[in-house]
Amino acid sequence: MNVTEKEGFLTVSADSTAPLVANIKAGNQTMVIDESVVVTGHKTGPDPYDYILSALGACTVITLHMYAQRKGWPLERAEVSLWHERIHPNDCLNCEDKNTKLSQVTKRLRLYGNLTAEQRIRLEGISSKCPVQKTLEGGITINTILEV
């Protein structure tokens, strides 16, 4: 099977006229990632971490709605605010340990609807079960193939 035939395949490119702007094509959709802030100090569009956080946030709210619908719970709206930061636990005392995590994502969850306290607590737990979060927490192997 050709790489371009695989499900989930997308293409990202940048050229020398705007080397800090990446153009993304996913199926019929196009997106842009702009890292110009590195040079200009002004953010003009989403950066790579914005897309990671968007994927995590989207997966979280969709997972919550799927679960609530299956249970017949009155979840009207799920909203998650996310931010990424670099942390330095204990001034990196365990940096030699490959399991030490220096990146941290915080999710602030808001649930709307006539939910009981127990339902809210359960949905909070379910919010960490989305596939994107599991992938991010579990790590991922990236294989690079150089085409000639």
C-alpha atoms as a PDB file:
ATOM      1  CA  MET A   1       0.000   0.000   0.000  1.00  0.00           C
ATOM      2  CA  ASN A   2       1.309   3.420  -0.944  1.00  0.00           C
ATOM      3  CA  VAL A   3       1.782   5.856   1.959  1.00  0.00           C
ATOM      4  CA  THR A   4      -0.661   8.299   0.332  1.00  0.00           C
ATOM      5  CA  GLU A   5      -3.362   5.620   0.417  1.00  0.00           C
ATOM      6  CA  LYS A   6      -3.206   5.106   4.176  1.00  0.00           C
ATOM      7  CA  GLU A   7      -6.118   6.333   6.263  1.00  0.00           C
ATOM      8  CA  GLY A   8      -5.288   9.529   8.118  1.00  0.00           C
ATOM      9  CA  PHE A   9      -2.554  10.536   5.671  1.00  0.00           C
ATOM     10  CA  LEU A  10      -1.930  14.259   5.428  1.00  0.00           C
ATOM     11  CA  THR A  11       0.695  16.466   3.817  1.00  0.00           C
ATOM     12  CA  VAL A  12       2.536  19.368   5.427  1.00  0.00           C
ATOM     13  CA  SER A  13       4.813  21.683   3.457  1.00  0.00           C
ATOM     14  CA  ALA A  14       6.708  24.957   3.837  1.00  0.00           C
ATOM     15  CA  ASP A  15       8.800  26.792   1.282  1.00  0.00           C
ATOM     16  CA  SER A  16      11.578  29.364   1.368  1.00  0.00           C
ATOM     17  CA  THR A  17       9.203  32.311   0.744  1.00  0.00           C
ATOM     18  CA  ALA A  18       7.582  31.746   4.147  1.00  0.00           C
ATOM     19  CA  PRO A  19       9.720  29.161   5.954  1.00  0.00           C
ATOM     20  CA  LEU A  20       7.941  29.604   9.290  1.00  0.00           C
ATOM     21  CA  VAL A  21       4.501  28.942   7.836  1.00  0.00           C
ATOM     22  CA  ALA A  22       3.439  25.340   7.231  1.00  0.00           C
ATOM     23  CA  ASN A  23       0.579  24.484   4.897  1.00  0.00           C
ATOM     24  CA  ILE A  24      -1.402  21.383   5.813  1.00  0.00           C
ATOM     25  CA  LYS A  25      -3.643  19.365   3.526  1.00  0.00           C
ATOM     26  CA  ALA A  26      -5.844  16.724   5.133  1.00  0.00           C
ATOM     27  CA  GLY A  27      -8.228  15.263   2.586  1.00  0.00           C
ATOM     28  CA  ASN A  28     -10.070  18.242   1.097  1.00  0.00           C
ATOM     29  CA  GLN A  29      -9.303  20.471   4.076  1.00  0.00           C
ATOM     30  CA  THR A  30      -6.422  22.911   4.392  1.00  0.00           C
ATOM     31  CA  MET A  31      -4.928  24.480   7.510  1.00  0.00           C
ATOM     32  CA  VAL A  32      -1.962  26.686   8.321  1.00  0.00           C
ATOM     33  CA  ILE A  33       0.498  26.596  11.190  1.00  0.00           C
ATOM     34  CA  ASP A  34       2.352  29.854  11.716  1.00  0.00           C
ATOM     35  CA  GLU A  35       5.555  30.017  13.764  1.00  0.00           C
ATOM     36  CA  SER A  36       6.324  33.617  12.736  1.00  0.00           C
ATOM     37  CA  VAL A  37       6.078  34.559  16.402  1.00  0.00           C
ATOM     38  CA  VAL A  38       9.602  33.135  16.769  1.00  0.00           C
ATOM     39  CA  VAL A  39      10.929  36.000  14.614  1.00  0.00           C
ATOM     40  CA  THR A  40       8.288  38.739  14.873  1.00  0.00           C
ATOM     41  CA  GLY A  41       7.095  38.316  18.446  1.00  0.00           C
ATOM     42  CA  HIS A  42       3.502  38.462  17.156  1.00  0.00           C
ATOM     43  CA  LYS A  43       1.291  35.426  16.885  1.00  0.00           C
ATOM     44  CA  THR A  44      -0.650  35.544  13.620  1.00  0.00           C
ATOM     45  CA  GLY A  45      -2.115  32.044  13.646  1.00  0.00           C
ATOM     46  CA  PRO A  46      -2.170  28.690  15.414  1.00  0.00           C
ATOM     47  CA  ASP A  47       1.200  27.160  16.243  1.00  0.00           C
ATOM     48  CA  PRO A  48       1.975  23.422  16.404  1.00  0.00           C
ATOM     49  CA  TYR A  49       1.041  23.137  20.078  1.00  0.00           C
ATOM     50  CA  ASP A  50      -2.317  24.820  19.388  1.00  0.00           C
ATOM     51  CA  TYR A  51      -3.097  21.937  17.045  1.00  0.00           C
ATOM     52  CA  ILE A  52      -2.013  19.329  19.586  1.00  0.00           C
ATOM     53  CA  LEU A  53      -4.209  20.988  22.220  1.00  0.00           C
ATOM     54  CA  SER A  54      -7.076  21.273  19.718  1.00  0.00           C
ATOM     55  CA  ALA A  55      -6.880  17.559  18.956  1.00  0.00           C
ATOM     56  CA  LEU A  56      -6.853  16.716  22.661  1.00  0.00           C
ATOM     57  CA  GLY A  57      -9.717  19.100  23.415  1.00  0.00           C
ATOM     58  CA  ALA A  58     -11.844  17.865  20.518  1.00  0.00           C
ATOM     59  CA  CYS A  59     -11.273  14.236  21.454  1.00  0.00           C
ATOM     60  CA  THR A  60     -12.137  15.019  25.092  1.00  0.00           C
ATOM     61  CA  VAL A  61     -15.468  16.739  24.439  1.00  0.00           C
ATOM     62  CA  ILE A  62     -16.515  14.179  21.822  1.00  0.00           C
ATOM     63  CA  THR A  63     -15.663  11.315  24.191  1.00  0.00           C
ATOM     64  CA  LEU A  64     -17.724  12.974  26.937  1.00  0.00           C
ATOM     65  CA  HIS A  65     -20.755  13.379  24.680  1.00  0.00           C
ATOM     66  CA  MET A  66     -20.518   9.807  23.403  1.00  0.00           C
ATOM     67  CA  TYR A  67     -20.402   8.499  26.977  1.00  0.00           C
ATOM     68  CA  ALA A  68     -23.229  10.750  28.203  1.00  0.00           C
ATOM     69  CA  GLN A  69     -25.452   9.788  25.253  1.00  0.00           C
ATOM     70  CA  ARG A  70     -24.813   6.095  25.850  1.00  0.00           C
ATOM     71  CA  LYS A  71     -25.781   6.559  29.521  1.00  0.00           C
ATOM     72  CA  GLY A  72     -28.756   8.803  28.719  1.00  0.00           C
ATOM     73  CA  TRP A  73     -27.293  11.638  30.803  1.00  0.00           C
ATOM     74  CA  PRO A  74     -28.375  15.257  30.191  1.00  0.00           C
ATOM     75  CA  LEU A  75     -24.987  16.643  29.107  1.00  0.00           C
ATOM     76  CA  GLU A  76     -25.876  19.704  27.028  1.00  0.00           C
ATOM     77  CA  ARG A  77     -22.394  21.085  26.451  1.00  0.00           C
ATOM     78  CA  ALA A  78     -18.856  20.048  27.306  1.00  0.00           C
ATOM     79  CA  GLU A  79     -16.123  22.643  27.145  1.00  0.00           C
ATOM     80  CA  VAL A  80     -12.430  22.253  27.835  1.00  0.00           C
ATOM     81  CA  SER A  81      -9.789  24.972  28.049  1.00  0.00           C
ATOM     82  CA  LEU A  82      -6.239  23.731  27.610  1.00  0.00           C
ATOM     83  CA  TRP A  83      -2.740  25.082  27.938  1.00  0.00           C
ATOM     84  CA  HIS A  84       0.709  23.658  27.505  1.00  0.00           C
ATOM     85  CA  GLU A  85       3.743  24.600  29.561  1.00  0.00           C
ATOM     86  CA  ARG A  86       7.241  23.407  30.197  1.00  0.00           C
ATOM     87  CA  ILE A  87       7.824  22.493  33.814  1.00  0.00           C
ATOM     88  CA  HIS A  88      11.050  21.867  35.632  1.00  0.00           C
ATOM     89  CA  PRO A  89      10.292  19.535  38.523  1.00  0.00           C
ATOM     90  CA  ASN A  90      12.885  19.938  41.262  1.00  0.00           C
ATOM     91  CA  ASP A  91      15.205  21.690  38.823  1.00  0.00           C
ATOM     92  CA  CYS A  92      15.204  18.520  36.756  1.00  0.00           C
ATOM     93  CA  LEU A  93      16.742  16.259  39.382  1.00  0.00           C
ATOM     94  CA  ASN A  94      15.725  13.221  37.326  1.00  0.00           C
ATOM     95  CA  CYS A  95      16.576  14.428  33.825  1.00  0.00           C
ATOM     96  CA  GLU A  96      18.629  11.289  33.202  1.00  0.00           C
ATOM     97  CA  ASP A  97      15.412   9.301  33.671  1.00  0.00           C
ATOM     98  CA  LYS A  98      13.783   9.005  30.234  1.00  0.00           C
ATOM     99  CA  ASN A  99      10.361   8.826  31.914  1.00  0.00           C
ATOM    100  CA  THR A 100      10.704  12.313  33.419  1.00  0.00           C
ATOM    101  CA  LYS A 101       8.157  14.583  31.780  1.00  0.00           C
ATOM    102  CA  LEU A 102       9.035  18.241  31.263  1.00  0.00           C
ATOM    103  CA  SER A 103       5.941  19.138  29.236  1.00  0.00           C
ATOM    104  CA  GLN A 104       2.587  19.478  30.924  1.00  0.00           C
ATOM    105  CA  VAL A 105      -0.894  20.041  29.544  1.00  0.00           C
ATOM    106  CA  THR A 106      -3.618  21.309  31.844  1.00  0.00           C
ATOM    107  CA  LYS A 107      -7.280  20.775  30.964  1.00  0.00           C
ATOM    108  CA  ARG A 108      -9.994  22.853  32.616  1.00  0.00           C
ATOM    109  CA  LEU A 109     -13.313  21.074  32.117  1.00  0.00           C
ATOM    110  CA  ARG A 110     -16.771  22.700  32.159  1.00  0.00           C
ATOM    111  CA  LEU A 111     -19.902  20.564  31.954  1.00  0.00           C
ATOM    112  CA  TYR A 112     -23.315  22.080  31.239  1.00  0.00           C
ATOM    113  CA  GLY A 113     -26.626  20.354  31.813  1.00  0.00           C
ATOM    114  CA  ASN A 114     -28.736  19.064  34.676  1.00  0.00           C
ATOM    115  CA  LEU A 115     -26.115  16.540  35.815  1.00  0.00           C
ATOM    116  CA  THR A 116     -25.847  15.042  39.282  1.00  0.00           C
ATOM    117  CA  ALA A 117     -22.641  15.419  41.287  1.00  0.00           C
ATOM    118  CA  GLU A 118     -21.920  11.726  40.683  1.00  0.00           C
ATOM    119  CA  GLN A 119     -22.379  12.126  36.911  1.00  0.00           C
ATOM    120  CA  ARG A 120     -20.027  15.114  36.886  1.00  0.00           C
ATOM    121  CA  ILE A 121     -17.346  13.188  38.764  1.00  0.00           C
ATOM    122  CA  ARG A 122     -17.713  10.210  36.421  1.00  0.00           C
ATOM    123  CA  LEU A 123     -17.490  12.461  33.358  1.00  0.00           C
ATOM    124  CA  GLU A 124     -14.343  14.059  34.784  1.00  0.00           C
ATOM    125  CA  GLY A 125     -12.795  10.582  34.915  1.00  0.00           C
ATOM    126  CA  ILE A 126     -14.030   9.720  31.431  1.00  0.00           C
ATOM    127  CA  SER A 127     -12.442  12.921  30.082  1.00  0.00           C
ATOM    128  CA  SER A 128      -9.010  11.301  30.380  1.00  0.00           C
ATOM    129  CA  LYS A 129     -10.064   8.202  28.418  1.00  0.00           C
ATOM    130  CA  CYS A 130     -10.094   9.747  24.951  1.00  0.00           C
ATOM    131  CA  PRO A 131      -7.761   8.089  22.427  1.00  0.00           C
ATOM    132  CA  VAL A 132      -5.683  11.236  21.830  1.00  0.00           C
ATOM    133  CA  GLN A 133      -4.935  11.628  25.542  1.00  0.00           C
ATOM    134  CA  LYS A 134      -4.000   7.959  25.802  1.00  0.00           C
ATOM    135  CA  THR A 135      -1.635   8.371  22.853  1.00  0.00           C
ATOM    136  CA  LEU A 136      -0.009  11.486  24.298  1.00  0.00           C
ATOM    137  CA  GLU A 137       0.418   9.947  27.739  1.00  0.00           C
ATOM    138  CA  GLY A 138       1.649   6.607  26.437  1.00  0.00           C
ATOM    139  CA  GLY A 139       4.163   8.057  24.049  1.00  0.00           C
ATOM    140  CA  ILE A 140       4.421   7.436  20.364  1.00  0.00           C
ATOM    141  CA  THR A 141       7.008   6.034  18.003  1.00  0.00           C
ATOM    142  CA  ILE A 142       7.757   8.167  14.954  1.00  0.00           C
ATOM    143  CA  ASN A 143       9.349   6.558  11.908  1.00  0.00           C
ATOM    144  CA  THR A 144      10.877   8.820   9.256  1.00  0.00           C
ATOM    145  CA  ILE A 145      11.205   7.651   5.647  1.00  0.00           C
ATOM    146  CA  LEU A 146      13.396   9.770   3.376  1.00  0.00           C
ATOM    147  CA  GLU A 147      12.143   9.607  -0.195  1.00  0.00           C
ATOM    148  CA  VAL A 148      14.697  10.078  -2.946  1.00  0.00           C
END
